[in-house]
C-alpha cells in the first residue's frame, strides 16, 4: 500500500496575502463558498506564481464564470483541469494573431481598415470568451455564447447577431430601398 505523505506546512508570505495554503499542498482562495486552487506550495513556497495566477483569473472567478464552467463540465462527466502558467490564453492568442496581421498591413496585403475590423472583432471575442482563459479550456458552450453576442455591423449602423454567417440578420437604423 502506498504511503500517504502530508504536504509540508507553508505560511502566507505576509498577513495581507490573498491566498491561503490548503491542506492538499496547494495555494487556494475561497470565493462564495467554493475553493479555487492556484498552484502547489512545494513548487512555489513564496506564492509569487500562485498570486499571479489568482490575478489572471480573479475577474472570471468573482464573476462566477469559472464556477459555472466547472458545474457544466461536471454535468457532462468531465473534470476541469487547473490551467497551467504556460498555457496559451485567449488574450495571448489574440495578440499573436494581431501581430501577424500588422505585418500584412505593413506589406500592403491588407488595409488598415481591415486590420481595425480584426481588432474590433477579436476584442469582442476576448471579452466574451475571457482573455485570461486558456485556449485549451474552451468548450462548445463558449462558442455558443460568442455566436449569441451582439456584434457591431461593419458599416457601424445597427448590429449583427452572427458575424460568422453570411445570412446573419442585421438590425439597422436605416434601410435602403431599390
Protein backbone atom coordinates (compact mmCIF):
# COMPACT_ATOMS: atom_id res chain seq x y z
CA UNK A 1 0.00 0.00 0.00
CA UNK A 2 1.28 3.46 -0.91
CA UNK A 3 2.27 5.70 1.94
CA UNK A 4 0.41 9.00 2.11
CA UNK A 5 2.59 11.95 2.99
CA UNK A 6 1.25 15.20 4.27
CA UNK A 7 2.27 18.38 2.47
CA UNK A 8 4.78 20.44 4.44
CA UNK A 9 3.29 23.41 6.25
CA UNK A 10 3.72 26.67 4.35
CA UNK A 11 2.70 30.02 5.75
CA UNK A 12 1.36 33.10 4.00
CA UNK A 13 4.24 35.38 2.94
CA UNK A 14 2.54 38.27 4.73
CA UNK A 15 -0.72 38.93 6.57
CA UNK A 16 -2.46 40.67 3.64
CA UNK A 17 -1.60 37.90 1.14
CA UNK A 18 -4.91 36.96 -0.56
CA UNK A 19 -4.20 33.22 -0.86
CA UNK A 20 -4.04 30.54 1.81
CA UNK A 21 -2.05 27.30 1.86
CA UNK A 22 -4.53 24.40 1.70
CA UNK A 23 -4.02 21.05 3.46
CA UNK A 24 -3.71 19.45 0.00
CA UNK A 25 -0.45 21.36 -0.53
CA UNK A 26 -1.89 23.96 -2.90
CA UNK A 27 -2.45 27.71 -2.70
CA UNK A 28 -6.18 28.42 -2.55
CA UNK A 29 -8.81 31.12 -2.23
CA UNK A 30 -12.37 30.58 -1.04
CA UNK A 31 -14.88 32.68 -3.01
CA UNK A 32 -18.63 32.44 -2.42
CA UNK A 33 -18.21 29.12 -0.60
CA UNK A 34 -16.09 27.44 -3.28
CA UNK A 35 -12.32 26.77 -3.19
CA UNK A 36 -10.17 27.77 -6.16
CA UNK A 37 -6.59 26.50 -6.45
CA UNK A 38 -3.58 28.33 -7.87
CA UNK A 39 -0.57 26.04 -7.77
CA UNK A 40 1.40 23.80 -5.45
CA UNK A 41 3.00 25.22 -2.32
CA UNK A 42 6.04 22.95 -2.60
CA UNK A 43 6.89 24.34 -6.04
CA UNK A 44 6.00 27.93 -5.14
CA UNK A 45 6.63 28.40 -1.38
CA UNK A 46 6.56 32.21 -1.52
CA UNK A 47 3.31 32.16 -3.55
CA UNK A 48 4.53 34.52 -6.32
CA UNK A 49 3.31 32.33 -9.22
CA UNK A 50 0.09 31.49 -7.39
CA UNK A 51 -0.57 35.17 -6.79
CA UNK A 52 -0.11 35.92 -10.49
CA UNK A 53 -2.46 33.01 -11.33
CA UNK A 54 -5.04 34.50 -8.92
CA UNK A 55 -4.70 37.93 -10.53
CA UNK A 56 -5.11 36.43 -14.01
CA UNK A 57 -8.26 34.50 -13.04
CA UNK A 58 -9.71 36.87 -10.42
CA UNK A 59 -12.17 38.63 -12.74
CA UNK A 60 -13.67 35.36 -14.02
CA UNK A 61 -13.82 33.83 -10.55
CA UNK A 62 -15.56 36.82 -8.99
CA UNK A 63 -17.99 36.96 -11.93
CA UNK A 64 -18.80 33.27 -11.38
CA UNK A 65 -17.61 32.19 -14.86
CA UNK A 66 -15.17 29.53 -13.65
CA UNK A 67 -17.70 28.01 -11.25
CA UNK A 68 -20.35 27.90 -14.00
CA UNK A 69 -17.84 26.20 -16.28
CA UNK A 70 -16.95 23.69 -13.57
CA UNK A 71 -20.60 22.83 -12.94
CA UNK A 72 -21.18 22.44 -16.69
CA UNK A 73 -18.20 20.09 -17.04
CA UNK A 74 -19.39 18.00 -14.07
CA UNK A 75 -22.79 17.64 -15.73
CA UNK A 76 -21.07 16.12 -18.74
CA UNK A 77 -18.76 13.90 -16.69
CA UNK A 78 -15.60 15.85 -17.47
CA UNK A 79 -13.14 17.06 -14.90
CA UNK A 80 -11.81 20.56 -15.48
CA UNK A 81 -8.05 20.83 -15.48
CA UNK A 82 -6.35 23.55 -13.49
CA UNK A 83 -4.80 25.95 -16.02
CA UNK A 84 -1.04 25.84 -16.12
CA UNK A 85 1.00 29.02 -16.06
CA UNK A 86 2.41 28.28 -19.53
CA UNK A 87 -0.97 27.61 -21.20
CA UNK A 88 -1.83 29.87 -24.13
CA UNK A 89 -4.60 32.28 -23.15
CA UNK A 90 -7.24 33.86 -25.38
CA UNK A 91 -5.53 37.25 -24.90
CA UNK A 92 -2.11 35.89 -25.90
CA UNK A 93 -3.64 34.20 -28.93
CA UNK A 94 -5.36 37.45 -29.92
CA UNK A 95 -2.11 39.41 -29.57
CA UNK A 96 -0.17 36.91 -31.71
CA UNK A 97 -2.89 36.97 -34.38
CA UNK A 98 -2.96 40.77 -34.50
CA UNK A 99 0.83 40.94 -34.59
CA UNK A 100 0.85 38.68 -37.66
CA UNK A 101 -1.85 40.81 -39.31
CA UNK A 102 0.11 44.01 -38.58
CA UNK A 103 2.92 42.72 -40.78
CA UNK A 104 0.36 42.19 -43.57
CA UNK A 105 -0.71 45.83 -43.23
CA UNK A 106 2.94 46.90 -43.46
CA UNK A 107 3.43 44.86 -46.64
CA UNK A 108 0.18 46.19 -48.16
CA UNK A 109 -1.54 42.77 -48.26
CA UNK A 110 -4.45 44.01 -46.11
CA UNK A 111 -5.77 47.52 -45.49
CA UNK A 112 -5.64 49.43 -42.22
CA UNK A 113 -9.45 49.39 -42.23
CA UNK A 114 -9.45 45.59 -42.40
CA UNK A 115 -6.90 45.46 -39.57
CA UNK A 116 -9.09 47.72 -37.41
CA UNK A 117 -12.08 45.46 -38.09
CA UNK A 118 -9.96 42.46 -36.98
CA UNK A 119 -9.01 44.33 -33.80
CA UNK A 120 -12.67 45.07 -33.02
CA UNK A 121 -13.75 41.50 -33.73
CA UNK A 122 -11.00 39.92 -31.64
CA UNK A 123 -11.69 42.40 -28.80
CA UNK A 124 -15.30 41.20 -28.66
CA UNK A 125 -14.12 37.58 -28.80
CA UNK A 126 -11.67 38.22 -25.96
CA UNK A 127 -14.30 39.97 -23.84
CA UNK A 128 -16.86 37.22 -24.45
CA UNK A 129 -14.55 34.22 -24.03
CA UNK A 130 -12.40 35.78 -21.30
CA UNK A 131 -8.86 36.92 -22.10
CA UNK A 132 -7.50 35.07 -19.04
CA UNK A 133 -8.95 31.73 -20.16
CA UNK A 134 -6.68 29.03 -21.52
CA UNK A 135 -7.38 28.26 -25.18
CA UNK A 136 -7.24 24.55 -24.29
CA UNK A 137 -10.17 25.02 -21.90
CA UNK A 138 -12.56 26.50 -24.48
CA UNK A 139 -15.68 24.39 -24.97
CA UNK A 140 -18.53 24.45 -27.49
CA UNK A 141 -20.56 26.38 -24.90
CA UNK A 142 -18.08 29.27 -25.10
CA UNK A 143 -18.58 29.45 -28.86
CA UNK A 144 -22.37 29.29 -28.48
CA UNK A 145 -22.10 32.31 -26.19
CA UNK A 146 -19.85 34.00 -28.73
CA UNK A 147 -22.34 33.28 -31.51
CA UNK A 148 -25.17 34.84 -29.47
CA UNK A 149 -23.17 38.01 -28.81
CA UNK A 150 -24.42 41.19 -30.46
CA UNK A 151 -21.74 42.37 -32.85
CA UNK A 152 -21.41 45.87 -34.29
CA UNK A 153 -22.14 45.82 -38.02
CA UNK A 154 -19.31 46.53 -40.43
CA UNK A 155 -20.95 49.78 -41.56
CA UNK A 156 -21.40 50.98 -37.99
CA UNK A 157 -25.20 51.15 -38.37
CA UNK A 158 -27.14 48.66 -36.26
CA UNK A 159 -25.88 45.32 -35.01
CA UNK A 160 -25.39 41.83 -36.37
CA UNK A 161 -26.01 38.79 -34.24
CA UNK A 162 -23.74 36.34 -36.07
CA UNK A 163 -20.69 37.68 -37.90
CA UNK A 164 -19.68 34.16 -38.94
CA UNK A 165 -22.65 33.61 -41.20
CA UNK A 166 -23.39 35.50 -44.42
CA UNK A 167 -27.13 35.09 -43.82
CA UNK A 168 -26.95 36.79 -40.42
CA UNK A 169 -29.77 39.22 -39.94
CA UNK A 170 -28.61 42.72 -39.06
CA UNK A 171 -30.79 45.34 -37.44
CA UNK A 172 -30.17 48.73 -38.88
CA UNK A 173 -31.13 52.26 -38.00
CA UNK A 174 -31.68 52.97 -41.70
CA UNK A 175 -32.88 50.94 -44.63
CA UNK A 176 -32.09 51.16 -48.30
CA UNK A 177 -34.70 50.74 -50.97
CA UNK A 178 -34.04 49.86 -54.57
